[in-house]
């Protein structure tokens, strides 16, 4: 190495946040397309962990179950309170 190569950095946490956001967006869209109130359904799921709050349409139920509820809550609060 000559020292001129650019430093490549990435953040696993940032990648995971993007993955969770993408998943939540897909779930939101599936709920909306099926005529549900997506916010109410997602909140119901988070509070109860009852998967029936999430439609099976477009594989949304399976997608959201790959996200730990605690992780989801942490990311939502962080996003809401972020000044960025």
C-alpha atoms as a PDB file:
ATOM      1  CA  UNK A   1       0.000   0.000   0.000  1.00  0.00           C
ATOM      2  CA  UNK A   2       1.262   3.436  -0.893  1.00  0.00           C
ATOM      3  CA  UNK A   3      -0.997   5.339   1.443  1.00  0.00           C
ATOM      4  CA  UNK A   4      -2.837   6.963  -1.468  1.00  0.00           C
ATOM      5  CA  UNK A   5      -5.734   4.521  -1.473  1.00  0.00           C
ATOM      6  CA  UNK A   6      -8.996   5.974  -0.198  1.00  0.00           C
ATOM      7  CA  UNK A   7     -10.214   4.659   3.107  1.00  0.00           C
ATOM      8  CA  UNK A   8     -13.373   2.670   2.743  1.00  0.00           C
ATOM      9  CA  UNK A   9     -15.594   2.717   5.761  1.00  0.00           C
ATOM     10  CA  UNK A  10     -19.060   1.440   6.377  1.00  0.00           C
ATOM     11  CA  UNK A  11     -21.291   1.076   9.336  1.00  0.00           C
ATOM     12  CA  UNK A  12     -23.102  -2.132  10.101  1.00  0.00           C
ATOM     13  CA  UNK A  13     -25.493  -0.123  12.273  1.00  0.00           C
ATOM     14  CA  UNK A  14     -26.319   2.237   9.392  1.00  0.00           C
ATOM     15  CA  UNK A  15     -26.854  -0.724   7.066  1.00  0.00           C
ATOM     16  CA  UNK A  16     -29.193  -2.337   9.592  1.00  0.00           C
ATOM     17  CA  UNK A  17     -31.126   0.911  10.062  1.00  0.00           C
ATOM     18  CA  UNK A  18     -31.603   1.151   6.300  1.00  0.00           C
ATOM     19  CA  UNK A  19     -32.741  -2.472   6.167  1.00  0.00           C
ATOM     20  CA  UNK A  20     -35.273  -1.895   8.954  1.00  0.00           C
ATOM     21  CA  UNK A  21     -36.538   1.291   7.290  1.00  0.00           C
ATOM     22  CA  UNK A  22     -36.926  -0.490   3.950  1.00  0.00           C
ATOM     23  CA  UNK A  23     -38.795  -3.341   5.610  1.00  0.00           C
ATOM     24  CA  UNK A  24     -41.073  -1.024   7.554  1.00  0.00           C
ATOM     25  CA  UNK A  25     -41.813   0.935   4.373  1.00  0.00           C
ATOM     26  CA  UNK A  26     -42.797  -2.277   2.559  1.00  0.00           C
ATOM     27  CA  UNK A  27     -45.037  -3.321   5.447  1.00  0.00           C
ATOM     28  CA  UNK A  28     -46.612   0.148   5.555  1.00  0.00           C
ATOM     29  CA  UNK A  29     -47.332   0.025   1.813  1.00  0.00           C
ATOM     30  CA  UNK A  30     -48.823  -3.468   1.999  1.00  0.00           C
ATOM     31  CA  UNK A  31     -51.154  -2.374   4.808  1.00  0.00           C
ATOM     32  CA  UNK A  32     -52.136   0.786   2.939  1.00  0.00           C
ATOM     33  CA  UNK A  33     -52.818  -1.138  -0.271  1.00  0.00           C
ATOM     34  CA  UNK A  34     -55.093  -3.533   1.598  1.00  0.00           C
ATOM     35  CA  UNK A  35     -57.084  -0.605   3.012  1.00  0.00           C
ATOM     36  CA  UNK A  36     -55.832  -0.685   6.595  1.00  0.00           C
ATOM     37  CA  UNK A  37     -54.618   2.271   8.635  1.00  0.00           C
ATOM     38  CA  UNK A  38     -50.897   1.390   8.539  1.00  0.00           C
ATOM     39  CA  UNK A  39     -49.901   3.444  11.579  1.00  0.00           C
ATOM     40  CA  UNK A  40     -52.571   1.896  13.801  1.00  0.00           C
ATOM     41  CA  UNK A  41     -51.745  -1.608  12.614  1.00  0.00           C
ATOM     42  CA  UNK A  42     -47.995  -1.221  13.107  1.00  0.00           C
ATOM     43  CA  UNK A  43     -48.485   0.300  16.576  1.00  0.00           C
ATOM     44  CA  UNK A  44     -50.826  -2.573  17.473  1.00  0.00           C
ATOM     45  CA  UNK A  45     -48.190  -5.052  16.340  1.00  0.00           C
ATOM     46  CA  UNK A  46     -45.408  -3.330  18.274  1.00  0.00           C
ATOM     47  CA  UNK A  47     -47.455  -3.160  21.480  1.00  0.00           C
ATOM     48  CA  UNK A  48     -48.808  -6.706  21.359  1.00  0.00           C
ATOM     49  CA  UNK A  49     -46.379  -8.591  19.100  1.00  0.00           C
ATOM     50  CA  UNK A  50     -49.521 -10.152  17.623  1.00  0.00           C
ATOM     51  CA  UNK A  51     -48.642 -10.832  13.966  1.00  0.00           C
ATOM     52  CA  UNK A  52     -52.287 -10.691  12.897  1.00  0.00           C
ATOM     53  CA  UNK A  53     -52.051  -6.889  12.990  1.00  0.00           C
ATOM     54  CA  UNK A  54     -49.918  -7.180   9.846  1.00  0.00           C
ATOM     55  CA  UNK A  55     -51.358  -8.422   6.572  1.00  0.00           C
ATOM     56  CA  UNK A  56     -49.836 -11.367   4.767  1.00  0.00           C
ATOM     57  CA  UNK A  57     -50.215  -9.394   1.524  1.00  0.00           C
ATOM     58  CA  UNK A  58     -46.838  -8.949  -0.232  1.00  0.00           C
ATOM     59  CA  UNK A  59     -45.235 -11.062   2.503  1.00  0.00           C
ATOM     60  CA  UNK A  60     -45.501  -8.135   4.955  1.00  0.00           C
ATOM     61  CA  UNK A  61     -46.105 -10.288   8.040  1.00  0.00           C
ATOM     62  CA  UNK A  62     -43.056 -12.405   7.369  1.00  0.00           C
ATOM     63  CA  UNK A  63     -40.936  -9.316   6.691  1.00  0.00           C
ATOM     64  CA  UNK A  64     -41.793  -7.525   9.919  1.00  0.00           C
ATOM     65  CA  UNK A  65     -41.163 -10.633  11.999  1.00  0.00           C
ATOM     66  CA  UNK A  66     -37.495 -10.433  11.007  1.00  0.00           C
ATOM     67  CA  UNK A  67     -37.203  -7.222  13.030  1.00  0.00           C
ATOM     68  CA  UNK A  68     -36.861  -7.429  16.792  1.00  0.00           C
ATOM     69  CA  UNK A  69     -39.515  -5.232  18.426  1.00  0.00           C
ATOM     70  CA  UNK A  70     -37.008  -3.651  20.821  1.00  0.00           C
ATOM     71  CA  UNK A  71     -34.726  -2.805  17.918  1.00  0.00           C
ATOM     72  CA  UNK A  72     -37.659  -1.337  16.002  1.00  0.00           C
ATOM     73  CA  UNK A  73     -38.710   0.827  18.942  1.00  0.00           C
ATOM     74  CA  UNK A  74     -35.153   2.056  19.473  1.00  0.00           C
ATOM     75  CA  UNK A  75     -34.801   3.028  15.819  1.00  0.00           C
ATOM     76  CA  UNK A  76     -38.186   4.750  15.751  1.00  0.00           C
ATOM     77  CA  UNK A  77     -37.392   6.830  18.843  1.00  0.00           C
ATOM     78  CA  UNK A  78     -33.924   7.624  17.542  1.00  0.00           C
ATOM     79  CA  UNK A  79     -35.372   8.704  14.203  1.00  0.00           C
ATOM     80  CA  UNK A  80     -38.061  10.827  15.829  1.00  0.00           C
ATOM     81  CA  UNK A  81     -35.648  12.596  18.151  1.00  0.00           C
ATOM     82  CA  UNK A  82     -32.802  12.931  15.676  1.00  0.00           C
ATOM     83  CA  UNK A  83     -31.810  16.488  14.800  1.00  0.00           C
ATOM     84  CA  UNK A  84     -30.355  15.483  11.456  1.00  0.00           C
END
